[in-house]
Amino acid sequence: MLLALKTNPLEAYGALVQGAFGNISGITQTLVKATPLLLVGLGVVIAFRGGVINIGGEGQM
């Protein structure tokens, strides 16, 4: 998709990484937004290991 827009994909991915991890504010925001998803993933893994299928993890966030 980036090539269709005549944009260098490496520059785009570099900007993505720089924005997420380039300074302390970026790292903090990345962790703030990733923590709920990690906790939902952990809950789903525990449910699957127990033999319970729960497909509503994202909706329960």
N, C-alpha and C. Protein backbone atom coordinates (compact mmCIF):
# COMPACT_ATOMS: atom_id res chain seq x y z
N MET A 1 0.82 -1.17 0.00
CA MET A 1 0.00 0.00 0.00
C MET A 1 0.88 1.25 0.00
N LEU A 2 1.96 1.20 0.75
CA LEU A 2 2.86 2.36 0.77
C LEU A 2 3.51 2.58 -0.58
N LEU A 3 3.82 1.49 -1.27
CA LEU A 3 4.41 1.63 -2.60
C LEU A 3 3.41 2.23 -3.58
N ALA A 4 2.13 1.89 -3.42
CA ALA A 4 1.11 2.46 -4.30
C ALA A 4 0.99 3.97 -4.09
N LEU A 5 1.30 4.43 -2.90
CA LEU A 5 1.26 5.86 -2.60
C LEU A 5 2.60 6.54 -2.88
N LYS A 6 3.52 5.76 -3.46
CA LYS A 6 4.87 6.25 -3.79
C LYS A 6 5.59 6.79 -2.55
N THR A 7 5.48 6.02 -1.48
CA THR A 7 6.15 6.35 -0.22
C THR A 7 7.15 5.24 0.08
N ASN A 8 8.30 5.62 0.60
CA ASN A 8 9.32 4.64 0.95
C ASN A 8 8.87 3.88 2.20
N PRO A 9 8.67 2.56 2.10
CA PRO A 9 8.21 1.79 3.26
C PRO A 9 9.20 1.82 4.42
N LEU A 10 10.49 1.83 4.13
CA LEU A 10 11.46 1.86 5.22
C LEU A 10 11.39 3.16 6.01
N GLU A 11 11.16 4.26 5.34
CA GLU A 11 11.00 5.53 6.05
C GLU A 11 9.73 5.52 6.90
N ALA A 12 8.67 4.93 6.37
CA ALA A 12 7.41 4.87 7.11
C ALA A 12 7.56 4.01 8.36
N TYR A 13 8.19 2.84 8.23
CA TYR A 13 8.39 1.99 9.40
C TYR A 13 9.36 2.62 10.38
N GLY A 14 10.35 3.32 9.88
CA GLY A 14 11.28 4.04 10.75
C GLY A 14 10.56 5.11 11.56
N ALA A 15 9.65 5.83 10.92
CA ALA A 15 8.86 6.84 11.63
C ALA A 15 7.95 6.20 12.67
N LEU A 16 7.42 5.02 12.35
CA LEU A 16 6.57 4.30 13.29
C LEU A 16 7.35 3.92 14.55
N VAL A 17 8.53 3.36 14.35
CA VAL A 17 9.36 2.96 15.48
C VAL A 17 9.84 4.18 16.26
N GLN A 18 10.23 5.22 15.55
CA GLN A 18 10.69 6.45 16.20
C GLN A 18 9.57 7.07 17.05
N GLY A 19 8.36 7.05 16.55
CA GLY A 19 7.24 7.60 17.30
C GLY A 19 6.88 6.77 18.53
N ALA A 20 7.04 5.45 18.43
CA ALA A 20 6.67 4.58 19.54
C ALA A 20 7.76 4.50 20.60
N PHE A 21 9.02 4.54 20.18
CA PHE A 21 10.12 4.30 21.12
C PHE A 21 11.19 5.39 21.08
N GLY A 22 10.93 6.49 20.39
CA GLY A 22 11.96 7.51 20.20
C GLY A 22 12.24 8.38 21.40
N ASN A 23 11.28 8.50 22.30
CA ASN A 23 11.49 9.30 23.51
C ASN A 23 10.67 8.70 24.65
N ILE A 24 10.83 9.24 25.82
CA ILE A 24 10.16 8.68 26.99
C ILE A 24 8.64 8.80 26.89
N SER A 25 8.15 9.86 26.28
CA SER A 25 6.71 10.02 26.11
C SER A 25 6.15 8.95 25.17
N GLY A 26 6.86 8.66 24.10
CA GLY A 26 6.42 7.62 23.17
C GLY A 26 6.40 6.25 23.81
N ILE A 27 7.42 5.96 24.60
CA ILE A 27 7.47 4.67 25.30
C ILE A 27 6.32 4.56 26.30
N THR A 28 6.07 5.63 27.03
CA THR A 28 4.99 5.63 28.01
C THR A 28 3.64 5.41 27.33
N GLN A 29 3.38 6.11 26.25
CA GLN A 29 2.10 5.95 25.55
C GLN A 29 1.96 4.55 24.95
N THR A 30 3.06 4.00 24.46
CA THR A 30 3.02 2.64 23.92
C THR A 30 2.64 1.65 25.02
N LEU A 31 3.24 1.79 26.19
CA LEU A 31 2.93 0.89 27.29
C LEU A 31 1.51 1.08 27.81
N VAL A 32 1.05 2.32 27.86
CA VAL A 32 -0.32 2.60 28.34
C VAL A 32 -1.35 1.95 27.41
N LYS A 33 -1.10 2.00 26.12
CA LYS A 33 -2.07 1.45 25.17
C LYS A 33 -1.92 -0.05 24.99
N ALA A 34 -0.75 -0.61 25.26
CA ALA A 34 -0.52 -2.04 25.08
C ALA A 34 -0.94 -2.86 26.29
N THR A 35 -0.92 -2.28 27.48
CA THR A 35 -1.20 -3.03 28.70
C THR A 35 -2.59 -3.67 28.71
N PRO A 36 -3.67 -2.97 28.38
CA PRO A 36 -4.97 -3.65 28.37
C PRO A 36 -5.04 -4.81 27.38
N LEU A 37 -4.42 -4.65 26.22
CA LEU A 37 -4.42 -5.74 25.24
C LEU A 37 -3.64 -6.95 25.74
N LEU A 38 -2.53 -6.70 26.41
CA LEU A 38 -1.75 -7.80 26.98
C LEU A 38 -2.53 -8.53 28.07
N LEU A 39 -3.25 -7.79 28.90
CA LEU A 39 -4.04 -8.42 29.95
C LEU A 39 -5.20 -9.24 29.38
N VAL A 40 -5.85 -8.74 28.34
CA VAL A 40 -6.91 -9.51 27.69
C VAL A 40 -6.34 -10.77 27.07
N GLY A 41 -5.18 -10.65 26.43
CA GLY A 41 -4.53 -11.83 25.85
C GLY A 41 -4.19 -12.86 26.91
N LEU A 42 -3.71 -12.41 28.05
CA LEU A 42 -3.40 -13.32 29.14
C LEU A 42 -4.66 -14.03 29.64
N GLY A 43 -5.75 -13.29 29.76
CA GLY A 43 -7.01 -13.90 30.18
C GLY A 43 -7.53 -14.93 29.19
N VAL A 44 -7.38 -14.64 27.91
CA VAL A 44 -7.83 -15.58 26.88
C VAL A 44 -6.98 -16.85 26.91
N VAL A 45 -5.67 -16.69 27.11
CA VAL A 45 -4.78 -17.85 27.18
C VAL A 45 -5.16 -18.73 28.36
N ILE A 46 -5.43 -18.12 29.50
CA ILE A 46 -5.82 -18.90 30.68
C ILE A 46 -7.13 -19.63 30.42
N ALA A 47 -8.09 -18.96 29.78
CA ALA A 47 -9.37 -19.61 29.48
C ALA A 47 -9.18 -20.77 28.51
N PHE A 48 -8.37 -20.58 27.47
CA PHE A 48 -8.14 -21.66 26.51
C PHE A 48 -7.46 -22.85 27.18
N ARG A 49 -6.52 -22.57 28.06
CA ARG A 49 -5.83 -23.67 28.75
C ARG A 49 -6.79 -24.44 29.65
N GLY A 50 -7.81 -23.77 30.14
CA GLY A 50 -8.81 -24.43 30.98
C GLY A 50 -9.91 -25.10 30.19
N GLY A 51 -9.86 -24.99 28.86
CA GLY A 51 -10.85 -25.63 28.02
C GLY A 51 -12.11 -24.80 27.80
N VAL A 52 -12.06 -23.54 28.18
CA VAL A 52 -13.21 -22.65 28.00
C VAL A 52 -12.93 -21.75 26.81
N ILE A 53 -13.89 -21.65 25.91
CA ILE A 53 -13.71 -20.80 24.74
C ILE A 53 -14.45 -19.49 25.00
N ASN A 54 -13.71 -18.39 24.96
CA ASN A 54 -14.27 -17.07 25.17
C ASN A 54 -13.88 -16.22 23.97
N ILE A 55 -14.85 -15.88 23.13
CA ILE A 55 -14.54 -15.10 21.93
C ILE A 55 -14.81 -13.62 22.12
N GLY A 56 -15.17 -13.21 23.34
CA GLY A 56 -15.53 -11.81 23.57
C GLY A 56 -14.49 -11.02 24.34
N GLY A 57 -13.24 -11.43 24.30
CA GLY A 57 -12.21 -10.76 25.09
C GLY A 57 -12.04 -9.30 24.76
N GLU A 58 -12.05 -8.95 23.48
CA GLU A 58 -11.87 -7.56 23.09
C GLU A 58 -13.05 -6.70 23.52
N GLY A 59 -14.24 -7.27 23.47
CA GLY A 59 -15.42 -6.52 23.85
C GLY A 59 -15.54 -6.31 25.35
N GLN A 60 -14.88 -7.14 26.12
CA GLN A 60 -14.95 -7.03 27.57
C GLN A 60 -13.91 -6.07 28.13
N MET A 61 -13.07 -5.52 27.26
CA MET A 61 -12.02 -4.62 27.73
C MET A 61 -12.57 -3.41 28.38
